[in-house]
Amino acid sequence: MLKLNSKQVSHLRALSHALNPVVMVGNNGLTEQVLKEIDVSLNAHELIKIKVFGDDRELRKQMLEEICEKCGAVAIHHIGKQLVVYRPAEKARIELPK
């Protein structure tokens, strides 16, 4: 699994502020279709924002861990109902600081 230092996480967090959610997780939770859509979005954008409907904070934490595990991504941020995840593409478009 990819390891990022605090400087890289801060950089990605700053980039994520301007993003709109590209995937919405509804009442059915993390279905195979949702995971597939997250994977496609990560391939296209590297850094994505996911909106989770539901008020259970612990459930959102579990979803974030499951997304990262199944998609090979890194959790960047979790605030409220917004999750931000990052996975570098083969041809990286986001340049990370050292």
PDB file of N, CA and C in Angstrom:
ATOM      1  N   MET A   1       0.832  -1.186   0.000  1.00  0.00           N
ATOM      2  CA  MET A   1       0.000   0.000   0.000  1.00  0.00           C
ATOM      3  C   MET A   1       0.877   1.250   0.000  1.00  0.00           C
ATOM      4  N   LEU A   2       0.401   2.256  -0.641  1.00  0.00           N
ATOM      5  CA  LEU A   2       1.116   3.514  -0.788  1.00  0.00           C
ATOM      6  C   LEU A   2       1.193   4.260   0.538  1.00  0.00           C
ATOM      7  N   LYS A   3       2.361   4.763   0.856  1.00  0.00           N
ATOM      8  CA  LYS A   3       2.548   5.563   2.065  1.00  0.00           C
ATOM      9  C   LYS A   3       2.861   6.997   1.652  1.00  0.00           C
ATOM     10  N   LEU A   4       2.172   7.931   2.278  1.00  0.00           N
ATOM     11  CA  LEU A   4       2.406   9.348   2.006  1.00  0.00           C
ATOM     12  C   LEU A   4       2.868  10.035   3.279  1.00  0.00           C
ATOM     13  N   ASN A   5       3.783  10.995   3.118  1.00  0.00           N
ATOM     14  CA  ASN A   5       4.191  11.767   4.292  1.00  0.00           C
ATOM     15  C   ASN A   5       3.207  12.922   4.515  1.00  0.00           C
ATOM     16  N   SER A   6       3.365  13.613   5.616  1.00  0.00           N
ATOM     17  CA  SER A   6       2.394  14.655   5.979  1.00  0.00           C
ATOM     18  C   SER A   6       2.372  15.809   4.974  1.00  0.00           C
ATOM     19  N   LYS A   7       3.516  16.105   4.381  1.00  0.00           N
ATOM     20  CA  LYS A   7       3.588  17.175   3.385  1.00  0.00           C
ATOM     21  C   LYS A   7       2.772  16.811   2.139  1.00  0.00           C
ATOM     22  N   GLN A   8       2.860  15.546   1.729  1.00  0.00           N
ATOM     23  CA  GLN A   8       2.114  15.086   0.560  1.00  0.00           C
ATOM     24  C   GLN A   8       0.609  15.066   0.838  1.00  0.00           C
ATOM     25  N   VAL A   9       0.242  14.617   2.035  1.00  0.00           N
ATOM     26  CA  VAL A   9      -1.178  14.593   2.411  1.00  0.00           C
ATOM     27  C   VAL A   9      -1.733  16.019   2.448  1.00  0.00           C
ATOM     28  N   SER A  10      -0.975  16.945   3.005  1.00  0.00           N
ATOM     29  CA  SER A  10      -1.409  18.351   3.053  1.00  0.00           C
ATOM     30  C   SER A  10      -1.593  18.915   1.652  1.00  0.00           C
ATOM     31  N   HIS A  11      -0.686  18.578   0.748  1.00  0.00           N
ATOM     32  CA  HIS A  11      -0.777  19.041  -0.633  1.00  0.00           C
ATOM     33  C   HIS A  11      -2.042  18.500  -1.293  1.00  0.00           C
ATOM     34  N   LEU A  12      -2.301  17.207  -1.123  1.00  0.00           N
ATOM     35  CA  LEU A  12      -3.488  16.594  -1.724  1.00  0.00           C
ATOM     36  C   LEU A  12      -4.769  17.139  -1.095  1.00  0.00           C
ATOM     37  N   ARG A  13      -4.734  17.381   0.202  1.00  0.00           N
ATOM     38  CA  ARG A  13      -5.902  17.942   0.890  1.00  0.00           C
ATOM     39  C   ARG A  13      -6.211  19.331   0.332  1.00  0.00           C
ATOM     40  N   ALA A  14      -5.180  20.120   0.091  1.00  0.00           N
ATOM     41  CA  ALA A  14      -5.367  21.457  -0.475  1.00  0.00           C
ATOM     42  C   ALA A  14      -5.967  21.374  -1.879  1.00  0.00           C
ATOM     43  N   LEU A  15      -5.487  20.422  -2.676  1.00  0.00           N
ATOM     44  CA  LEU A  15      -6.028  20.248  -4.027  1.00  0.00           C
ATOM     45  C   LEU A  15      -7.490  19.802  -3.998  1.00  0.00           C
ATOM     46  N   SER A  16      -7.856  19.064  -2.978  1.00  0.00           N
ATOM     47  CA  SER A  16      -9.208  18.506  -2.929  1.00  0.00           C
ATOM     48  C   SER A  16     -10.278  19.541  -2.602  1.00  0.00           C
ATOM     49  N   HIS A  17      -9.901  20.689  -2.058  1.00  0.00           N
ATOM     50  CA  HIS A  17     -10.893  21.699  -1.697  1.00  0.00           C
ATOM     51  C   HIS A  17     -11.732  22.130  -2.890  1.00  0.00           C
ATOM     52  N   ALA A  18     -11.136  22.224  -4.045  1.00  0.00           N
ATOM     53  CA  ALA A  18     -11.843  22.708  -5.230  1.00  0.00           C
ATOM     54  C   ALA A  18     -12.676  21.624  -5.915  1.00  0.00           C
ATOM     55  N   LEU A  19     -12.542  20.380  -5.468  1.00  0.00           N
ATOM     56  CA  LEU A  19     -13.236  19.276  -6.124  1.00  0.00           C
ATOM     57  C   LEU A  19     -14.696  19.178  -5.702  1.00  0.00           C
ATOM     58  N   ASN A  20     -15.506  18.698  -6.628  1.00  0.00           N
ATOM     59  CA  ASN A  20     -16.884  18.337  -6.318  1.00  0.00           C
ATOM     60  C   ASN A  20     -16.939  16.820  -6.193  1.00  0.00           C
ATOM     61  N   PRO A  21     -17.872  16.295  -5.400  1.00  0.00           N
ATOM     62  CA  PRO A  21     -17.986  14.837  -5.286  1.00  0.00           C
ATOM     63  C   PRO A  21     -18.303  14.204  -6.646  1.00  0.00           C
ATOM     64  N   VAL A  22     -17.575  13.149  -6.995  1.00  0.00           N
ATOM     65  CA  VAL A  22     -17.816  12.465  -8.264  1.00  0.00           C
ATOM     66  C   VAL A  22     -18.580  11.162  -8.063  1.00  0.00           C
ATOM     67  N   VAL A  23     -18.607  10.665  -6.828  1.00  0.00           N
ATOM     68  CA  VAL A  23     -19.340   9.443  -6.512  1.00  0.00           C
ATOM     69  C   VAL A  23     -20.183   9.715  -5.269  1.00  0.00           C
ATOM     70  N   MET A  24     -21.420   9.237  -5.311  1.00  0.00           N
ATOM     71  CA  MET A  24     -22.315   9.356  -4.160  1.00  0.00           C
ATOM     72  C   MET A  24     -22.638   7.952  -3.662  1.00  0.00           C
ATOM     73  N   VAL A  25     -22.500   7.752  -2.354  1.00  0.00           N
ATOM     74  CA  VAL A  25     -22.841   6.468  -1.752  1.00  0.00           C
ATOM     75  C   VAL A  25     -24.187   6.648  -1.063  1.00  0.00           C
ATOM     76  N   GLY A  26     -25.201   5.927  -1.559  1.00  0.00           N
ATOM     77  CA  GLY A  26     -26.564   6.086  -1.044  1.00  0.00           C
ATOM     78  C   GLY A  26     -26.889   5.119   0.074  1.00  0.00           C
ATOM     79  N   ASN A  27     -28.168   4.883   0.245  1.00  0.00           N
ATOM     80  CA  ASN A  27     -28.668   4.041   1.334  1.00  0.00           C
ATOM     81  C   ASN A  27     -28.248   2.586   1.209  1.00  0.00           C
ATOM     82  N   ASN A  28     -27.912   2.127   0.008  1.00  0.00           N
ATOM     83  CA  ASN A  28     -27.498   0.733  -0.182  1.00  0.00           C
ATOM     84  C   ASN A  28     -26.053   0.496   0.221  1.00  0.00           C
ATOM     85  N   GLY A  29     -25.322   1.540   0.546  1.00  0.00           N
ATOM     86  CA  GLY A  29     -23.933   1.395   0.988  1.00  0.00           C
ATOM     87  C   GLY A  29     -22.980   1.130  -0.159  1.00  0.00           C
ATOM     88  N   LEU A  30     -21.878   0.464   0.168  1.00  0.00           N
ATOM     89  CA  LEU A  30     -20.832   0.192  -0.819  1.00  0.00           C
ATOM     90  C   LEU A  30     -21.175  -1.078  -1.600  1.00  0.00           C
ATOM     91  N   THR A  31     -21.885  -0.915  -2.683  1.00  0.00           N
ATOM     92  CA  THR A  31     -22.191  -2.047  -3.546  1.00  0.00           C
ATOM     93  C   THR A  31     -21.040  -2.237  -4.529  1.00  0.00           C
ATOM     94  N   GLU A  32     -21.073  -3.336  -5.249  1.00  0.00           N
ATOM     95  CA  GLU A  32     -20.041  -3.577  -6.268  1.00  0.00           C
ATOM     96  C   GLU A  32     -20.054  -2.484  -7.328  1.00  0.00           C
ATOM     97  N   GLN A  33     -21.247  -1.981  -7.669  1.00  0.00           N
ATOM     98  CA  GLN A  33     -21.360  -0.924  -8.680  1.00  0.00           C
ATOM     99  C   GLN A  33     -20.697   0.363  -8.194  1.00  0.00           C
ATOM    100  N   VAL A  34     -20.898   0.681  -6.928  1.00  0.00           N
ATOM    101  CA  VAL A  34     -20.299   1.897  -6.366  1.00  0.00           C
ATOM    102  C   VAL A  34     -18.776   1.763  -6.340  1.00  0.00           C
ATOM    103  N   LEU A  35     -18.278   0.604  -5.915  1.00  0.00           N
ATOM    104  CA  LEU A  35     -16.826   0.377  -5.894  1.00  0.00           C
ATOM    105  C   LEU A  35     -16.233   0.450  -7.293  1.00  0.00           C
ATOM    106  N   LYS A  36     -16.964  -0.067  -8.272  1.00  0.00           N
ATOM    107  CA  LYS A  36     -16.491  -0.010  -9.662  1.00  0.00           C
ATOM    108  C   LYS A  36     -16.428   1.442 -10.133  1.00  0.00           C
ATOM    109  N   GLU A  37     -17.438   2.229  -9.777  1.00  0.00           N
ATOM    110  CA  GLU A  37     -17.460   3.643 -10.162  1.00  0.00           C
ATOM    111  C   GLU A  37     -16.321   4.416  -9.495  1.00  0.00           C
ATOM    112  N   ILE A  38     -16.032   4.092  -8.234  1.00  0.00           N
ATOM    113  CA  ILE A  38     -14.905   4.722  -7.524  1.00  0.00           C
ATOM    114  C   ILE A  38     -13.599   4.371  -8.226  1.00  0.00           C
ATOM    115  N   ASP A  39     -13.444   3.108  -8.624  1.00  0.00           N
ATOM    116  CA  ASP A  39     -12.235   2.667  -9.319  1.00  0.00           C
ATOM    117  C   ASP A  39     -12.067   3.408 -10.643  1.00  0.00           C
ATOM    118  N   VAL A  40     -13.144   3.532 -11.403  1.00  0.00           N
ATOM    119  CA  VAL A  40     -13.102   4.242 -12.685  1.00  0.00           C
ATOM    120  C   VAL A  40     -12.730   5.710 -12.466  1.00  0.00           C
ATOM    121  N   SER A  41     -13.324   6.316 -11.438  1.00  0.00           N
ATOM    122  CA  SER A  41     -13.040   7.724 -11.144  1.00  0.00           C
ATOM    123  C   SER A  41     -11.592   7.927 -10.702  1.00  0.00           C
ATOM    124  N   LEU A  42     -11.070   6.993  -9.909  1.00  0.00           N
ATOM    125  CA  LEU A  42      -9.664   7.088  -9.493  1.00  0.00           C
ATOM    126  C   LEU A  42      -8.733   6.958 -10.687  1.00  0.00           C
ATOM    127  N   ASN A  43      -9.055   6.083 -11.625  1.00  0.00           N
ATOM    128  CA  ASN A  43      -8.237   5.950 -12.834  1.00  0.00           C
ATOM    129  C   ASN A  43      -8.241   7.241 -13.636  1.00  0.00           C
ATOM    130  N   ALA A  44      -9.384   7.912 -13.669  1.00  0.00           N
ATOM    131  CA  ALA A  44      -9.511   9.128 -14.466  1.00  0.00           C
ATOM    132  C   ALA A  44      -8.925  10.351 -13.786  1.00  0.00           C
ATOM    133  N   HIS A  45      -9.071  10.446 -12.462  1.00  0.00           N
ATOM    134  CA  HIS A  45      -8.733  11.697 -11.774  1.00  0.00           C
ATOM    135  C   HIS A  45      -7.638  11.599 -10.717  1.00  0.00           C
ATOM    136  N   GLU A  46      -7.320  10.413 -10.229  1.00  0.00           N
ATOM    137  CA  GLU A  46      -6.340  10.174  -9.156  1.00  0.00           C
ATOM    138  C   GLU A  46      -6.838  10.624  -7.783  1.00  0.00           C
ATOM    139  N   LEU A  47      -7.342  11.832  -7.677  1.00  0.00           N
ATOM    140  CA  LEU A  47      -7.818  12.384  -6.407  1.00  0.00           C
ATOM    141  C   LEU A  47      -9.304  12.663  -6.564  1.00  0.00           C
ATOM    142  N   ILE A  48     -10.122  11.990  -5.736  1.00  0.00           N
ATOM    143  CA  ILE A  48     -11.572  12.172  -5.871  1.00  0.00           C
ATOM    144  C   ILE A  48     -12.215  12.442  -4.514  1.00  0.00           C
ATOM    145  N   LYS A  49     -13.372  13.056  -4.597  1.00  0.00           N
ATOM    146  CA  LYS A  49     -14.184  13.319  -3.421  1.00  0.00           C
ATOM    147  C   LYS A  49     -15.440  12.460  -3.539  1.00  0.00           C
ATOM    148  N   ILE A  50     -15.804  11.815  -2.429  1.00  0.00           N
ATOM    149  CA  ILE A  50     -16.960  10.932  -2.378  1.00  0.00           C
ATOM    150  C   ILE A  50     -17.914  11.466  -1.328  1.00  0.00           C
ATOM    151  N   LYS A  51     -19.202  11.534  -1.669  1.00  0.00           N
ATOM    152  CA  LYS A  51     -20.196  11.976  -0.698  1.00  0.00           C
ATOM    153  C   LYS A  51     -20.970  10.758  -0.219  1.00  0.00           C
ATOM    154  N   VAL A  52     -21.081  10.625   1.106  1.00  0.00           N
ATOM    155  CA  VAL A  52     -21.786   9.491   1.710  1.00  0.00           C
ATOM    156  C   VAL A  52     -23.048  10.024   2.376  1.00  0.00           C
ATOM    157  N   PHE A  53     -24.197   9.470   1.962  1.00  0.00           N
ATOM    158  CA  PHE A  53     -25.453   9.836   2.603  1.00  0.00           C
ATOM    159  C   PHE A  53     -25.647   8.911   3.791  1.00  0.00           C
ATOM    160  N   GLY A  54     -26.003   9.456   4.895  1.00  0.00           N
ATOM    161  CA  GLY A  54     -26.159   8.682   6.122  1.00  0.00           C
ATOM    162  C   GLY A  54     -25.487   9.416   7.263  1.00  0.00           C
ATOM    163  N   ASP A  55     -26.043   9.265   8.461  1.00  0.00           N
ATOM    164  CA  ASP A  55     -25.555  10.039   9.593  1.00  0.00           C
ATOM    165  C   ASP A  55     -24.603   9.288  10.508  1.00  0.00           C
ATOM    166  N   ASP A  56     -24.323   8.028  10.243  1.00  0.00           N
ATOM    167  CA  ASP A  56     -23.488   7.214  11.124  1.00  0.00           C
ATOM    168  C   ASP A  56     -22.009   7.427  10.816  1.00  0.00           C
ATOM    169  N   ARG A  57     -21.314   8.149  11.695  1.00  0.00           N
ATOM    170  CA  ARG A  57     -19.894   8.466  11.484  1.00  0.00           C
ATOM    171  C   ARG A  57     -19.034   7.209  11.443  1.00  0.00           C
ATOM    172  N   GLU A  58     -19.302   6.258  12.334  1.00  0.00           N
ATOM    173  CA  GLU A  58     -18.514   5.013  12.359  1.00  0.00           C
ATOM    174  C   GLU A  58     -18.669   4.244  11.055  1.00  0.00           C
ATOM    175  N   LEU A  59     -19.877   4.236  10.510  1.00  0.00           N
ATOM    176  CA  LEU A  59     -20.116   3.556   9.236  1.00  0.00           C
ATOM    177  C   LEU A  59     -19.330   4.222   8.113  1.00  0.00           C
ATOM    178  N   ARG A  60     -19.261   5.558   8.135  1.00  0.00           N
ATOM    179  CA  ARG A  60     -18.475   6.278   7.117  1.00  0.00           C
ATOM    180  C   ARG A  60     -16.996   5.946   7.239  1.00  0.00           C
ATOM    181  N   LYS A  61     -16.488   5.833   8.484  1.00  0.00           N
ATOM    182  CA  LYS A  61     -15.085   5.446   8.682  1.00  0.00           C
ATOM    183  C   LYS A  61     -14.819   4.058   8.111  1.00  0.00           C
ATOM    184  N   GLN A  62     -15.731   3.130   8.365  1.00  0.00           N
ATOM    185  CA  GLN A  62     -15.584   1.771   7.836  1.00  0.00           C
ATOM    186  C   GLN A  62     -15.616   1.772   6.312  1.00  0.00           C
ATOM    187  N   MET A  63     -16.519   2.591   5.744  1.00  0.00           N
ATOM    188  CA  MET A  63     -16.597   2.692   4.281  1.00  0.00           C
ATOM    189  C   MET A  63     -15.294   3.208   3.706  1.00  0.00           C
ATOM    190  N   LEU A  64     -14.709   4.223   4.349  1.00  0.00           N
ATOM    191  CA  LEU A  64     -13.450   4.799   3.872  1.00  0.00           C
ATOM    192  C   LEU A  64     -12.347   3.746   3.893  1.00  0.00           C
ATOM    193  N   GLU A  65     -12.268   2.975   4.970  1.00  0.00           N
ATOM    194  CA  GLU A  65     -11.258   1.914   5.057  1.00  0.00           C
ATOM    195  C   GLU A  65     -11.490   0.850   3.992  1.00  0.00           C
ATOM    196  N   GLU A  66     -12.743   0.483   3.776  1.00  0.00           N
ATOM    197  CA  GLU A  66     -13.056  -0.543   2.775  1.00  0.00           C
ATOM    198  C   GLU A  66     -12.745  -0.055   1.361  1.00  0.00           C
ATOM    199  N   ILE A  67     -13.065   1.201   1.075  1.00  0.00           N
ATOM    200  CA  ILE A  67     -12.757   1.780  -0.239  1.00  0.00           C
ATOM    201  C   ILE A  67     -11.257   1.737  -0.483  1.00  0.00           C
ATOM    202  N   CYS A  68     -10.479   2.165   0.513  1.00  0.00           N
ATOM    203  CA  CYS A  68      -9.024   2.195   0.367  1.00  0.00           C
ATOM    204  C   CYS A  68      -8.466   0.790   0.181  1.00  0.00           C
ATOM    205  N   GLU A  69      -8.986  -0.156   0.925  1.00  0.00           N
ATOM    206  CA  GLU A  69      -8.503  -1.531   0.834  1.00  0.00           C
ATOM    207  C   GLU A  69      -8.835  -2.162  -0.515  1.00  0.00           C
ATOM    208  N   LYS A  70     -10.070  -2.022  -0.968  1.00  0.00           N
ATOM    209  CA  LYS A  70     -10.506  -2.684  -2.198  1.00  0.00           C
ATOM    210  C   LYS A  70     -10.016  -1.992  -3.459  1.00  0.00           C
ATOM    211  N   CYS A  71      -9.779  -0.685  -3.385  1.00  0.00           N
ATOM    212  CA  CYS A  71      -9.358   0.055  -4.575  1.00  0.00           C
ATOM    213  C   CYS A  71      -7.869   0.379  -4.571  1.00  0.00           C
ATOM    214  N   GLY A  72      -7.158   0.021  -3.510  1.00  0.00           N
ATOM    215  CA  GLY A  72      -5.732   0.313  -3.432  1.00  0.00           C
ATOM    216  C   GLY A  72      -5.455   1.804  -3.330  1.00  0.00           C
ATOM    217  N   ALA A  73      -6.336   2.520  -2.651  1.00  0.00           N
ATOM    218  CA  ALA A  73      -6.208   3.973  -2.535  1.00  0.00           C
ATOM    219  C   ALA A  73      -5.742   4.347  -1.130  1.00  0.00           C
ATOM    220  N   VAL A  74      -5.477   5.637  -0.955  1.00  0.00           N
ATOM    221  CA  VAL A  74      -5.054   6.177   0.341  1.00  0.00           C
ATOM    222  C   VAL A  74      -6.095   7.194   0.792  1.00  0.00           C
ATOM    223  N   ALA A  75      -6.495   7.107   2.052  1.00  0.00           N
ATOM    224  CA  ALA A  75      -7.433   8.077   2.610  1.00  0.00           C
ATOM    225  C   ALA A  75      -6.707   9.400   2.837  1.00  0.00           C
ATOM    226  N   ILE A  76      -7.245  10.467   2.298  1.00  0.00           N
ATOM    227  CA  ILE A  76      -6.629  11.787   2.444  1.00  0.00           C
ATOM    228  C   ILE A  76      -7.367  12.608   3.480  1.00  0.00           C
ATOM    229  N   HIS A  77      -8.705  12.532   3.450  1.00  0.00           N
ATOM    230  CA  HIS A  77      -9.480  13.388   4.338  1.00  0.00           C
ATOM    231  C   HIS A  77     -10.861  12.797   4.556  1.00  0.00           C
ATOM    232  N   HIS A  78     -11.412  13.012   5.733  1.00  0.00           N
ATOM    233  CA  HIS A  78     -12.781  12.615   6.050  1.00  0.00           C
ATOM    234  C   HIS A  78     -13.356  13.700   6.924  1.00  0.00           C
ATOM    235  N   ILE A  79     -14.222  14.495   6.353  1.00  0.00           N
ATOM    236  CA  ILE A  79     -14.858  15.551   7.132  1.00  0.00           C
ATOM    237  C   ILE A  79     -16.345  15.539   6.803  1.00  0.00           C
ATOM    238  N   GLY A  80     -17.141  15.405   7.832  1.00  0.00           N
ATOM    239  CA  GLY A  80     -18.580  15.326   7.623  1.00  0.00           C
ATOM    240  C   GLY A  80     -18.919  14.132   6.759  1.00  0.00           C
ATOM    241  N   LYS A  81     -19.672  14.381   5.718  1.00  0.00           N
ATOM    242  CA  LYS A  81     -20.095  13.300   4.821  1.00  0.00           C
ATOM    243  C   LYS A  81     -19.224  13.210   3.578  1.00  0.00           C
ATOM    244  N   GLN A  82     -18.107  13.920   3.594  1.00  0.00           N
ATOM    245  CA  GLN A  82     -17.193  13.934   2.449  1.00  0.00           C
ATOM    246  C   GLN A  82     -15.957  13.073   2.740  1.00  0.00           C
ATOM    247  N   LEU A  83     -15.631  12.216   1.801  1.00  0.00           N
ATOM    248  CA  LEU A  83     -14.415  11.408   1.881  1.00  0.00           C
ATOM    249  C   LEU A  83     -13.536  11.801   0.703  1.00  0.00           C
ATOM    250  N   VAL A  84     -12.241  11.905   0.934  1.00  0.00           N
ATOM    251  CA  VAL A  84     -11.304  12.200  -0.145  1.00  0.00           C
ATOM    252  C   VAL A  84     -10.285  11.068  -0.189  1.00  0.00           C
ATOM    253  N   VAL A  85     -10.128  10.474  -1.376  1.00  0.00           N
ATOM    254  CA  VAL A  85      -9.168   9.378  -1.543  1.00  0.00           C
ATOM    255  C   VAL A  85      -8.274   9.655  -2.742  1.00  0.00           C
ATOM    256  N   TYR A  86      -7.089   9.066  -2.694  1.00  0.00           N
ATOM    257  CA  TYR A  86      -6.074   9.280  -3.734  1.00  0.00           C
ATOM    258  C   TYR A  86      -5.461   7.946  -4.119  1.00  0.00           C
ATOM    259  N   ARG A  87      -5.277   7.775  -5.413  1.00  0.00           N
ATOM    260  CA  ARG A  87      -4.525   6.639  -5.928  1.00  0.00           C
ATOM    261  C   ARG A  87      -3.807   7.121  -7.188  1.00  0.00           C
ATOM    262  N   PRO A  88      -2.471   7.030  -7.198  1.00  0.00           N
ATOM    263  CA  PRO A  88      -1.747   7.508  -8.386  1.00  0.00           C
ATOM    264  C   PRO A  88      -2.051   6.647  -9.603  1.00  0.00           C
ATOM    265  N   ALA A  89      -2.158   7.303 -10.745  1.00  0.00           N
ATOM    266  CA  ALA A  89      -2.374   6.595 -12.003  1.00  0.00           C
ATOM    267  C   ALA A  89      -1.025   6.138 -12.550  1.00  0.00           C
ATOM    268  N   GLU A  90      -1.069   5.306 -13.586  1.00  0.00           N
ATOM    269  CA  GLU A  90       0.189   4.856 -14.207  1.00  0.00           C
ATOM    270  C   GLU A  90       0.973   6.041 -14.731  1.00  0.00           C
ATOM    271  N   LYS A  91       0.258   6.978 -15.371  1.00  0.00           N
ATOM    272  CA  LYS A  91       0.875   8.233 -15.780  1.00  0.00           C
ATOM    273  C   LYS A  91       0.367   9.297 -14.822  1.00  0.00           C
ATOM    274  N   ALA A  92       1.116   9.529 -13.764  1.00  0.00           N
ATOM    275  CA  ALA A  92       0.679  10.435 -12.713  1.00  0.00           C
ATOM    276  C   ALA A  92       0.486  11.856 -13.235  1.00  0.00           C
ATOM    277  N   ARG A  93      -0.666  12.437 -12.932  1.00  0.00           N
ATOM    278  CA  ARG A  93      -0.952  13.823 -13.317  1.00  0.00           C
ATOM    279  C   ARG A  93      -0.731  14.779 -12.149  1.00  0.00           C
ATOM    280  N   ILE A  94      -0.812  14.243 -10.940  1.00  0.00           N
ATOM    281  CA  ILE A  94      -0.593  15.069  -9.751  1.00  0.00           C
ATOM    282  C   ILE A  94       0.838  14.841  -9.272  1.00  0.00           C
ATOM    283  N   GLU A  95       1.584  15.921  -9.230  1.00  0.00           N
ATOM    284  CA  GLU A  95       2.976  15.818  -8.762  1.00  0.00           C
ATOM    285  C   GLU A  95       3.019  16.063  -7.261  1.00  0.00           C
ATOM    286  N   LEU A  96       3.515  15.096  -6.533  1.00  0.00           N
ATOM    287  CA  LEU A  96       3.579  15.186  -5.078  1.00  0.00           C
ATOM    288  C   LEU A  96       4.904  15.785  -4.632  1.00  0.00           C
ATOM    289  N   PRO A  97       4.878  16.609  -3.576  1.00  0.00           N
ATOM    290  CA  PRO A  97       6.146  17.120  -3.033  1.00  0.00           C
ATOM    291  C   PRO A  97       6.924  15.987  -2.378  1.00  0.00           C
ATOM    292  N   LYS A  98       8.208  16.156  -2.258  1.00  0.00           N
ATOM    293  CA  LYS A  98       9.068  15.122  -1.644  1.00  0.00           C
ATOM    294  C   LYS A  98       8.938  15.107  -0.153  1.00  0.00           C
TER     295      LYS A  98
END
